[in-house]
Amino acid sequence: MQRRGAHSEEKRRAGALFIVAGLWLAGCSGAHEPAQTAQVAQRVVVAPTANVPALLASSIDGLRSQLGAAQPLPNSLRNPLLLITNTNDATADDSLAAFRTGGLTLVASYNERTRHVRDLLVLGQHEDTLMGRASLQANRLDYLVLPVFQIDKPNRLLGLRVIATQQGN
């Protein structure tokens, strides 16, 4: 009988040890710690300071009347001719003019003979900020927004090129 009692005693000890171990694990499970949730990146809403899409339909003379005299091209444009010669239909009549509006620098690529503005380049390094300040939307049908990267640093944004589509003309 003593063996049976010893065996029962071992079972009770093992059971008590199992319960203590279970309580210890439950105590370390983090159940008493504040819940940790992944933080969702919040999109910063940037107030528009310029209506770039409305400027797309303008001629270069229209831009000058709306935005004032053209400014010198920024120093960040080391070789501004590369901005217009990278396009397939660039001609010898193509030219550039820079304007400031709403805290943004716009570089207009236009045909000097016809005065038609081909596209606008909004200069800056933060795509979301540029999109918001320039009143641009990526899903519009009347214009395209394309990133333009620096030639010597291809992972660094130079700005956003905005091109009117045929639907917008």
N, C-alpha and C. Protein backbone atom coordinates (compact mmCIF):
# COMPACT_ATOMS: atom_id res chain seq x y z
N MET A 1 0.82 -1.18 0.00
CA MET A 1 0.00 0.00 0.00
C MET A 1 0.86 1.25 0.00
N GLN A 2 2.01 1.06 0.58
CA GLN A 2 2.85 2.21 0.64
C GLN A 2 3.29 2.64 -0.76
N ARG A 3 3.46 1.65 -1.61
CA ARG A 3 3.83 1.98 -2.98
C ARG A 3 2.74 2.74 -3.66
N ARG A 4 1.52 2.30 -3.43
CA ARG A 4 0.40 2.97 -4.05
C ARG A 4 0.29 4.40 -3.55
N GLY A 5 0.51 4.63 -2.28
CA GLY A 5 0.46 5.97 -1.70
C GLY A 5 1.58 6.84 -2.25
N ALA A 6 2.73 6.25 -2.44
CA ALA A 6 3.87 7.00 -2.98
C ALA A 6 3.58 7.38 -4.43
N HIS A 7 2.96 6.44 -5.13
CA HIS A 7 2.62 6.71 -6.53
C HIS A 7 1.57 7.83 -6.62
N SER A 8 0.60 7.83 -5.74
CA SER A 8 -0.41 8.89 -5.70
C SER A 8 0.23 10.22 -5.35
N GLU A 9 1.16 10.15 -4.41
CA GLU A 9 1.85 11.38 -4.00
C GLU A 9 2.64 11.95 -5.18
N GLU A 10 3.28 11.10 -5.97
CA GLU A 10 4.02 11.56 -7.14
C GLU A 10 3.08 12.19 -8.16
N LYS A 11 1.92 11.59 -8.33
CA LYS A 11 0.94 12.13 -9.27
C LYS A 11 0.48 13.51 -8.82
N ARG A 12 0.23 13.65 -7.51
CA ARG A 12 -0.20 14.94 -6.99
C ARG A 12 0.90 15.99 -7.18
N ARG A 13 2.13 15.62 -6.91
CA ARG A 13 3.23 16.56 -7.09
C ARG A 13 3.39 16.95 -8.57
N ALA A 14 3.30 15.95 -9.42
CA ALA A 14 3.41 16.22 -10.86
C ALA A 14 2.27 17.12 -11.31
N GLY A 15 1.07 16.86 -10.80
CA GLY A 15 -0.08 17.70 -11.15
C GLY A 15 0.09 19.11 -10.63
N ALA A 16 0.58 19.26 -9.41
CA ALA A 16 0.80 20.59 -8.84
C ALA A 16 1.89 21.32 -9.61
N LEU A 17 2.95 20.57 -9.98
CA LEU A 17 4.02 21.17 -10.77
C LEU A 17 3.50 21.62 -12.13
N PHE A 18 2.65 20.81 -12.71
CA PHE A 18 2.05 21.16 -14.01
C PHE A 18 1.21 22.43 -13.89
N ILE A 19 0.43 22.55 -12.84
CA ILE A 19 -0.41 23.73 -12.62
C ILE A 19 0.46 24.96 -12.38
N VAL A 20 1.51 24.82 -11.57
CA VAL A 20 2.41 25.94 -11.30
C VAL A 20 3.09 26.37 -12.59
N ALA A 21 3.55 25.42 -13.39
CA ALA A 21 4.20 25.75 -14.66
C ALA A 21 3.22 26.45 -15.60
N GLY A 22 1.99 25.98 -15.63
CA GLY A 22 0.96 26.62 -16.46
C GLY A 22 0.69 28.04 -16.03
N LEU A 23 0.60 28.27 -14.73
CA LEU A 23 0.39 29.62 -14.22
C LEU A 23 1.58 30.52 -14.52
N TRP A 24 2.79 29.96 -14.39
CA TRP A 24 3.99 30.74 -14.70
C TRP A 24 4.01 31.14 -16.17
N LEU A 25 3.67 30.21 -17.07
CA LEU A 25 3.63 30.52 -18.50
C LEU A 25 2.54 31.55 -18.81
N ALA A 26 1.40 31.42 -18.16
CA ALA A 26 0.32 32.38 -18.39
C ALA A 26 0.73 33.77 -17.91
N GLY A 27 1.50 33.80 -16.82
CA GLY A 27 1.97 35.08 -16.31
C GLY A 27 2.97 35.74 -17.24
N CYS A 28 3.69 34.97 -18.01
CA CYS A 28 4.71 35.50 -18.92
C CYS A 28 4.21 35.62 -20.35
N SER A 29 2.95 35.36 -20.56
CA SER A 29 2.43 35.36 -21.94
C SER A 29 2.21 36.76 -22.49
N GLY A 30 2.34 37.77 -21.65
CA GLY A 30 2.10 39.13 -22.12
C GLY A 30 0.64 39.51 -22.00
N ALA A 31 -0.15 38.66 -21.38
CA ALA A 31 -1.58 38.94 -21.25
C ALA A 31 -1.83 40.18 -20.40
N HIS A 32 -0.90 40.50 -19.53
CA HIS A 32 -1.08 41.66 -18.66
C HIS A 32 -0.42 42.92 -19.21
N GLU A 33 0.24 42.79 -20.35
CA GLU A 33 0.88 43.95 -20.97
C GLU A 33 -0.10 44.64 -21.89
N PRO A 34 0.08 45.94 -22.12
CA PRO A 34 -0.81 46.63 -23.05
C PRO A 34 -0.66 46.05 -24.45
N ALA A 35 -1.76 46.02 -25.15
CA ALA A 35 -1.76 45.46 -26.50
C ALA A 35 -0.85 46.29 -27.40
N GLN A 36 -0.04 45.61 -28.16
CA GLN A 36 0.86 46.28 -29.10
C GLN A 36 0.35 46.03 -30.50
N THR A 37 -0.04 47.10 -31.14
CA THR A 37 -0.54 46.98 -32.51
C THR A 37 0.41 47.70 -33.44
N ALA A 38 0.48 47.21 -34.65
CA ALA A 38 1.33 47.85 -35.66
C ALA A 38 0.75 49.23 -35.98
N GLN A 39 1.62 50.20 -36.03
CA GLN A 39 1.15 51.54 -36.33
C GLN A 39 0.98 51.69 -37.83
N VAL A 40 -0.16 52.19 -38.23
CA VAL A 40 -0.46 52.41 -39.63
C VAL A 40 0.06 53.79 -40.00
N ALA A 41 0.80 53.83 -41.08
CA ALA A 41 1.32 55.12 -41.54
C ALA A 41 0.16 56.02 -41.94
N GLN A 42 0.09 57.16 -41.35
CA GLN A 42 -0.98 58.08 -41.66
C GLN A 42 -0.55 58.99 -42.78
N ARG A 43 -1.44 59.18 -43.71
CA ARG A 43 -1.15 60.04 -44.85
C ARG A 43 -1.36 61.49 -44.42
N VAL A 44 -0.37 62.27 -44.65
CA VAL A 44 -0.44 63.68 -44.30
C VAL A 44 -1.18 64.40 -45.42
N VAL A 45 -2.18 65.15 -45.04
CA VAL A 45 -2.91 65.93 -46.02
C VAL A 45 -2.21 67.27 -46.17
N VAL A 46 -1.82 67.56 -47.40
CA VAL A 46 -1.10 68.79 -47.70
C VAL A 46 -2.05 69.74 -48.40
N ALA A 47 -2.13 70.95 -47.91
CA ALA A 47 -3.02 71.94 -48.51
C ALA A 47 -2.50 72.35 -49.88
N PRO A 48 -3.38 72.39 -50.88
CA PRO A 48 -2.95 72.82 -52.21
C PRO A 48 -2.56 74.30 -52.20
N THR A 49 -1.47 74.59 -52.91
CA THR A 49 -1.03 75.98 -53.02
C THR A 49 -1.03 76.45 -54.48
N ALA A 50 -1.19 75.52 -55.40
CA ALA A 50 -1.23 75.86 -56.83
C ALA A 50 -2.11 74.85 -57.55
N ASN A 51 -2.73 75.29 -58.63
CA ASN A 51 -3.58 74.41 -59.43
C ASN A 51 -2.85 74.11 -60.75
N VAL A 52 -1.91 73.20 -60.70
CA VAL A 52 -1.10 72.88 -61.87
C VAL A 52 -1.93 72.30 -63.01
N PRO A 53 -2.92 71.43 -62.76
CA PRO A 53 -3.71 70.92 -63.89
C PRO A 53 -4.39 72.03 -64.69
N ALA A 54 -4.81 73.10 -64.05
CA ALA A 54 -5.46 74.20 -64.76
C ALA A 54 -4.47 74.93 -65.67
N LEU A 55 -3.18 74.84 -65.36
CA LEU A 55 -2.17 75.53 -66.16
C LEU A 55 -1.77 74.74 -67.41
N LEU A 56 -2.12 73.47 -67.48
CA LEU A 56 -1.70 72.63 -68.59
C LEU A 56 -2.25 73.10 -69.94
N ALA A 57 -3.44 73.66 -69.96
CA ALA A 57 -4.05 74.07 -71.22
C ALA A 57 -3.52 75.42 -71.72
N SER A 58 -2.69 76.07 -70.93
CA SER A 58 -2.20 77.40 -71.29
C SER A 58 -1.05 77.33 -72.30
N SER A 59 -0.93 78.38 -73.08
CA SER A 59 0.26 78.56 -73.91
C SER A 59 1.34 79.15 -73.01
N ILE A 60 2.55 79.28 -73.51
CA ILE A 60 3.61 79.88 -72.70
C ILE A 60 3.28 81.33 -72.39
N ASP A 61 2.61 82.02 -73.33
CA ASP A 61 2.20 83.41 -73.07
C ASP A 61 1.12 83.46 -72.00
N GLY A 62 0.23 82.47 -72.01
CA GLY A 62 -0.80 82.39 -70.97
C GLY A 62 -0.19 82.15 -69.60
N LEU A 63 0.84 81.28 -69.55
CA LEU A 63 1.54 81.06 -68.28
C LEU A 63 2.19 82.33 -67.77
N ARG A 64 2.80 83.07 -68.69
CA ARG A 64 3.45 84.32 -68.28
C ARG A 64 2.42 85.32 -67.76
N SER A 65 1.25 85.37 -68.37
CA SER A 65 0.24 86.32 -67.89
C SER A 65 -0.35 85.88 -66.55
N GLN A 66 -0.44 84.57 -66.30
CA GLN A 66 -0.99 84.07 -65.04
C GLN A 66 0.03 84.05 -63.91
N LEU A 67 1.30 83.73 -64.25
CA LEU A 67 2.31 83.51 -63.22
C LEU A 67 3.39 84.58 -63.15
N GLY A 68 3.36 85.52 -64.09
CA GLY A 68 4.38 86.57 -64.10
C GLY A 68 5.54 86.18 -64.99
N ALA A 69 6.54 87.01 -64.96
CA ALA A 69 7.72 86.80 -65.82
C ALA A 69 8.42 85.50 -65.44
N ALA A 70 9.01 84.87 -66.44
CA ALA A 70 9.78 83.65 -66.20
C ALA A 70 10.99 83.96 -65.32
N GLN A 71 11.33 83.01 -64.48
CA GLN A 71 12.47 83.10 -63.57
C GLN A 71 13.66 82.37 -64.19
N PRO A 72 14.86 82.65 -63.72
CA PRO A 72 16.01 81.86 -64.20
C PRO A 72 15.81 80.39 -63.82
N LEU A 73 16.30 79.50 -64.63
CA LEU A 73 16.21 78.07 -64.32
C LEU A 73 17.00 77.79 -63.05
N PRO A 74 16.47 76.94 -62.17
CA PRO A 74 17.17 76.63 -60.92
C PRO A 74 18.52 75.97 -61.18
N ASN A 75 19.44 76.17 -60.24
CA ASN A 75 20.77 75.57 -60.34
C ASN A 75 20.72 74.05 -60.29
N SER A 76 19.65 73.49 -59.72
CA SER A 76 19.54 72.04 -59.62
C SER A 76 19.41 71.38 -60.98
N LEU A 77 19.08 72.17 -61.99
CA LEU A 77 18.98 71.64 -63.35
C LEU A 77 20.34 71.82 -64.02
N ARG A 78 21.23 70.87 -63.81
CA ARG A 78 22.59 70.99 -64.32
C ARG A 78 22.61 71.11 -65.85
N ASN A 79 21.82 70.28 -66.50
CA ASN A 79 21.76 70.32 -67.95
C ASN A 79 20.29 70.34 -68.35
N PRO A 80 19.67 71.52 -68.38
CA PRO A 80 18.22 71.59 -68.62
C PRO A 80 17.81 71.06 -69.99
N LEU A 81 18.72 71.01 -70.94
CA LEU A 81 18.35 70.49 -72.26
C LEU A 81 17.99 69.01 -72.19
N LEU A 82 18.53 68.29 -71.21
CA LEU A 82 18.18 66.88 -71.07
C LEU A 82 16.71 66.70 -70.73
N LEU A 83 16.10 67.70 -70.10
CA LEU A 83 14.68 67.60 -69.76
C LEU A 83 13.81 67.55 -71.01
N ILE A 84 14.22 68.24 -72.05
CA ILE A 84 13.38 68.26 -73.25
C ILE A 84 13.89 67.34 -74.34
N THR A 85 15.17 67.00 -74.33
CA THR A 85 15.68 66.13 -75.39
C THR A 85 15.42 64.66 -75.09
N ASN A 86 14.98 64.32 -73.88
CA ASN A 86 14.65 62.93 -73.58
C ASN A 86 13.29 62.54 -74.12
N THR A 87 12.51 63.48 -74.59
CA THR A 87 11.21 63.15 -75.14
C THR A 87 11.35 62.84 -76.62
N ASN A 88 10.49 61.99 -77.15
CA ASN A 88 10.60 61.52 -78.52
C ASN A 88 10.36 62.60 -79.57
N ASP A 89 9.51 63.56 -79.26
CA ASP A 89 9.16 64.55 -80.28
C ASP A 89 9.80 65.92 -80.03
N ALA A 90 10.93 65.95 -79.38
CA ALA A 90 11.64 67.20 -79.13
C ALA A 90 12.21 67.73 -80.45
N THR A 91 12.15 69.04 -80.61
CA THR A 91 12.67 69.68 -81.82
C THR A 91 13.60 70.82 -81.42
N ALA A 92 14.19 71.44 -82.44
CA ALA A 92 15.07 72.58 -82.18
C ALA A 92 14.29 73.78 -81.66
N ASP A 93 12.97 73.79 -81.84
CA ASP A 93 12.15 74.90 -81.37
C ASP A 93 11.76 74.78 -79.90
N ASP A 94 12.11 73.68 -79.26
CA ASP A 94 11.72 73.48 -77.87
C ASP A 94 12.54 74.35 -76.94
N SER A 95 11.89 74.81 -75.89
CA SER A 95 12.54 75.68 -74.93
C SER A 95 11.96 75.43 -73.54
N LEU A 96 12.60 76.01 -72.54
CA LEU A 96 12.16 75.87 -71.15
C LEU A 96 11.98 77.25 -70.53
N ALA A 97 11.03 77.34 -69.62
CA ALA A 97 10.83 78.55 -68.83
C ALA A 97 10.43 78.13 -67.42
N ALA A 98 10.99 78.78 -66.41
CA ALA A 98 10.69 78.45 -65.02
C ALA A 98 9.81 79.54 -64.41
N PHE A 99 8.88 79.11 -63.58
CA PHE A 99 7.96 80.02 -62.89
C PHE A 99 7.85 79.60 -61.44
N ARG A 100 7.51 80.55 -60.57
CA ARG A 100 7.23 80.27 -59.16
C ARG A 100 5.77 80.59 -58.90
N THR A 101 5.09 79.64 -58.27
CA THR A 101 3.70 79.87 -57.88
C THR A 101 3.37 79.01 -56.66
N GLY A 102 2.74 79.61 -55.69
CA GLY A 102 2.32 78.89 -54.49
C GLY A 102 3.46 78.17 -53.79
N GLY A 103 4.66 78.73 -53.83
CA GLY A 103 5.80 78.10 -53.19
C GLY A 103 6.41 76.97 -54.00
N LEU A 104 5.93 76.74 -55.21
CA LEU A 104 6.44 75.68 -56.09
C LEU A 104 7.21 76.29 -57.25
N THR A 105 8.19 75.56 -57.73
CA THR A 105 8.89 75.95 -58.95
C THR A 105 8.41 75.04 -60.06
N LEU A 106 7.90 75.65 -61.13
CA LEU A 106 7.42 74.92 -62.30
C LEU A 106 8.35 75.21 -63.46
N VAL A 107 8.72 74.18 -64.19
CA VAL A 107 9.51 74.35 -65.40
C VAL A 107 8.62 73.91 -66.56
N ALA A 108 8.32 74.85 -67.43
CA ALA A 108 7.46 74.57 -68.58
C ALA A 108 8.33 74.23 -69.78
N SER A 109 8.02 73.12 -70.42
CA SER A 109 8.67 72.75 -71.68
C SER A 109 7.69 73.14 -72.78
N TYR A 110 8.14 73.97 -73.72
CA TYR A 110 7.21 74.47 -74.73
C TYR A 110 7.89 74.61 -76.08
N ASN A 111 7.07 74.67 -77.13
CA ASN A 111 7.57 74.89 -78.48
C ASN A 111 7.59 76.40 -78.71
N GLU A 112 8.77 76.93 -78.98
CA GLU A 112 8.93 78.37 -79.12
C GLU A 112 8.16 78.93 -80.33
N ARG A 113 8.04 78.14 -81.37
CA ARG A 113 7.36 78.60 -82.57
C ARG A 113 5.83 78.61 -82.38
N THR A 114 5.27 77.51 -81.87
CA THR A 114 3.82 77.43 -81.71
C THR A 114 3.34 77.99 -80.37
N ARG A 115 4.26 78.17 -79.41
CA ARG A 115 3.97 78.66 -78.06
C ARG A 115 3.21 77.63 -77.21
N HIS A 116 3.03 76.42 -77.72
CA HIS A 116 2.30 75.36 -77.03
C HIS A 116 3.16 74.77 -75.90
N VAL A 117 2.58 74.68 -74.70
CA VAL A 117 3.27 74.08 -73.56
C VAL A 117 3.09 72.57 -73.64
N ARG A 118 4.21 71.86 -73.72
CA ARG A 118 4.19 70.40 -73.83
C ARG A 118 3.90 69.75 -72.48
N ASP A 119 4.63 70.19 -71.45
CA ASP A 119 4.42 69.63 -70.11
C ASP A 119 4.97 70.60 -69.07
N LEU A 120 4.63 70.32 -67.83
CA LEU A 120 5.13 71.11 -66.70
C LEU A 120 5.87 70.17 -65.76
N LEU A 121 7.01 70.60 -65.29
CA LEU A 121 7.78 69.84 -64.32
C LEU A 121 7.71 70.60 -63.00
N VAL A 122 7.14 69.95 -61.98
CA VAL A 122 7.05 70.53 -60.65
C VAL A 122 8.27 70.03 -59.88
N LEU A 123 9.16 70.93 -59.51
CA LEU A 123 10.41 70.53 -58.87
C LEU A 123 10.23 70.29 -57.38
N GLY A 124 10.87 69.26 -56.88
CA GLY A 124 10.83 68.93 -55.46
C GLY A 124 11.20 67.48 -55.25
N GLN A 125 11.49 67.12 -54.01
CA GLN A 125 11.97 65.77 -53.71
C GLN A 125 10.96 64.89 -52.99
N HIS A 126 9.81 65.41 -52.60
CA HIS A 126 8.84 64.64 -51.84
C HIS A 126 7.55 64.52 -52.66
N GLU A 127 7.36 63.34 -53.23
CA GLU A 127 6.27 63.11 -54.17
C GLU A 127 4.90 63.44 -53.57
N ASP A 128 4.61 62.95 -52.38
CA ASP A 128 3.29 63.19 -51.78
C ASP A 128 3.05 64.67 -51.53
N THR A 129 4.07 65.38 -51.07
CA THR A 129 3.94 66.81 -50.82
C THR A 129 3.71 67.56 -52.13
N LEU A 130 4.46 67.20 -53.17
CA LEU A 130 4.28 67.84 -54.47
C LEU A 130 2.88 67.59 -55.03
N MET A 131 2.42 66.35 -54.92
CA MET A 131 1.08 66.00 -55.42
C MET A 131 0.02 66.86 -54.71
N GLY A 132 0.13 66.99 -53.41
CA GLY A 132 -0.85 67.77 -52.65
C GLY A 132 -0.78 69.25 -52.95
N ARG A 133 0.41 69.81 -52.91
CA ARG A 133 0.56 71.26 -53.11
C ARG A 133 0.22 71.69 -54.53
N ALA A 134 0.46 70.81 -55.51
CA ALA A 134 0.19 71.15 -56.91
C ALA A 134 -1.22 70.75 -57.35
N SER A 135 -2.04 70.24 -56.44
CA SER A 135 -3.42 69.80 -56.72
C SER A 135 -3.45 68.70 -57.77
N LEU A 136 -2.52 67.77 -57.69
CA LEU A 136 -2.43 66.68 -58.66
C LEU A 136 -3.05 65.40 -58.09
N GLN A 137 -3.62 64.60 -58.98
CA GLN A 137 -4.18 63.31 -58.61
C GLN A 137 -3.64 62.27 -59.59
N ALA A 138 -3.20 61.14 -59.08
CA ALA A 138 -2.58 60.12 -59.92
C ALA A 138 -3.56 59.42 -60.84
N ASN A 139 -4.83 59.40 -60.51
CA ASN A 139 -5.80 58.63 -61.29
C ASN A 139 -6.63 59.46 -62.26
N ARG A 140 -6.19 60.63 -62.60
CA ARG A 140 -6.94 61.48 -63.52
C ARG A 140 -6.75 61.01 -64.96
N LEU A 141 -7.76 61.22 -65.79
CA LEU A 141 -7.69 60.83 -67.20
C LEU A 141 -7.21 61.96 -68.09
N ASP A 142 -7.27 63.21 -67.61
CA ASP A 142 -6.91 64.34 -68.47
C ASP A 142 -5.43 64.72 -68.39
N TYR A 143 -4.67 64.09 -67.50
CA TYR A 143 -3.22 64.31 -67.45
C TYR A 143 -2.53 63.12 -66.80
N LEU A 144 -1.25 63.01 -67.09
CA LEU A 144 -0.39 61.98 -66.48
C LEU A 144 0.59 62.66 -65.54
N VAL A 145 0.92 61.99 -64.45
CA VAL A 145 1.94 62.47 -63.53
C VAL A 145 3.05 61.42 -63.52
N LEU A 146 4.24 61.85 -63.92
CA LEU A 146 5.38 60.94 -64.02
C LEU A 146 6.53 61.45 -63.15
N PRO A 147 7.15 60.57 -62.38
CA PRO A 147 8.32 61.00 -61.61
C PRO A 147 9.51 61.22 -62.53
N VAL A 148 10.31 62.22 -62.22
CA VAL A 148 11.55 62.50 -62.95
C VAL A 148 12.67 62.43 -61.92
N PHE A 149 13.66 61.59 -62.21
CA PHE A 149 14.76 61.39 -61.28
C PHE A 149 16.01 62.10 -61.76
N GLN A 150 16.86 62.46 -60.82
CA GLN A 150 18.12 63.12 -61.15
C GLN A 150 18.99 62.15 -61.94
N ILE A 151 19.68 62.67 -62.95
CA ILE A 151 20.47 61.82 -63.82
C ILE A 151 21.65 61.20 -63.07
N ASP A 152 22.33 61.98 -62.25
CA ASP A 152 23.50 61.48 -61.54
C ASP A 152 23.15 60.71 -60.27
N LYS A 153 21.90 60.82 -59.81
CA LYS A 153 21.43 60.09 -58.62
C LYS A 153 20.06 59.51 -58.96
N PRO A 154 20.01 58.38 -59.64
CA PRO A 154 18.74 57.86 -60.15
C PRO A 154 17.73 57.44 -59.09
N ASN A 155 18.12 57.40 -57.84
CA ASN A 155 17.15 57.10 -56.78
C ASN A 155 16.66 58.36 -56.08
N ARG A 156 17.03 59.52 -56.59
CA ARG A 156 16.62 60.79 -56.00
C ARG A 156 15.68 61.53 -56.94
N LEU A 157 14.51 61.88 -56.42
CA LEU A 157 13.49 62.55 -57.21
C LEU A 157 13.88 63.99 -57.52
N LEU A 158 13.76 64.37 -58.78
CA LEU A 158 13.97 65.76 -59.20
C LEU A 158 12.65 66.51 -59.15
N GLY A 159 11.57 65.82 -59.52
CA GLY A 159 10.25 66.44 -59.51
C GLY A 159 9.23 65.56 -60.20
N LEU A 160 8.08 66.13 -60.48
CA LEU A 160 6.99 65.42 -61.15
C LEU A 160 6.67 66.10 -62.47
N ARG A 161 6.69 65.34 -63.54
CA ARG A 161 6.32 65.86 -64.86
C ARG A 161 4.83 65.63 -65.05
N VAL A 162 4.14 66.69 -65.44
CA VAL A 162 2.69 66.61 -65.65
C VAL A 162 2.44 66.86 -67.14
N ILE A 163 1.81 65.88 -67.78
CA ILE A 163 1.58 65.93 -69.23
C ILE A 163 0.09 65.80 -69.49
N ALA A 164 -0.46 66.74 -70.26
CA ALA A 164 -1.88 66.65 -70.64
C ALA A 164 -2.06 65.49 -71.61
N THR A 165 -3.13 64.73 -71.44
CA THR A 165 -3.45 63.64 -72.37
C THR A 165 -4.36 64.16 -73.46
N GLN A 166 -4.59 63.36 -74.47
CA GLN A 166 -5.46 63.76 -75.57
C GLN A 166 -6.88 64.03 -75.09
N GLN A 167 -7.32 63.32 -74.05
CA GLN A 167 -8.66 63.54 -73.51
C GLN A 167 -8.80 64.92 -72.91
N GLY A 168 -7.68 65.45 -72.41
CA GLY A 168 -7.71 66.76 -71.77
C GLY A 168 -7.61 67.90 -72.77
N ASN A 169 -7.19 67.62 -74.01
CA ASN A 169 -7.01 68.67 -75.00
C ASN A 169 -8.26 68.91 -75.80
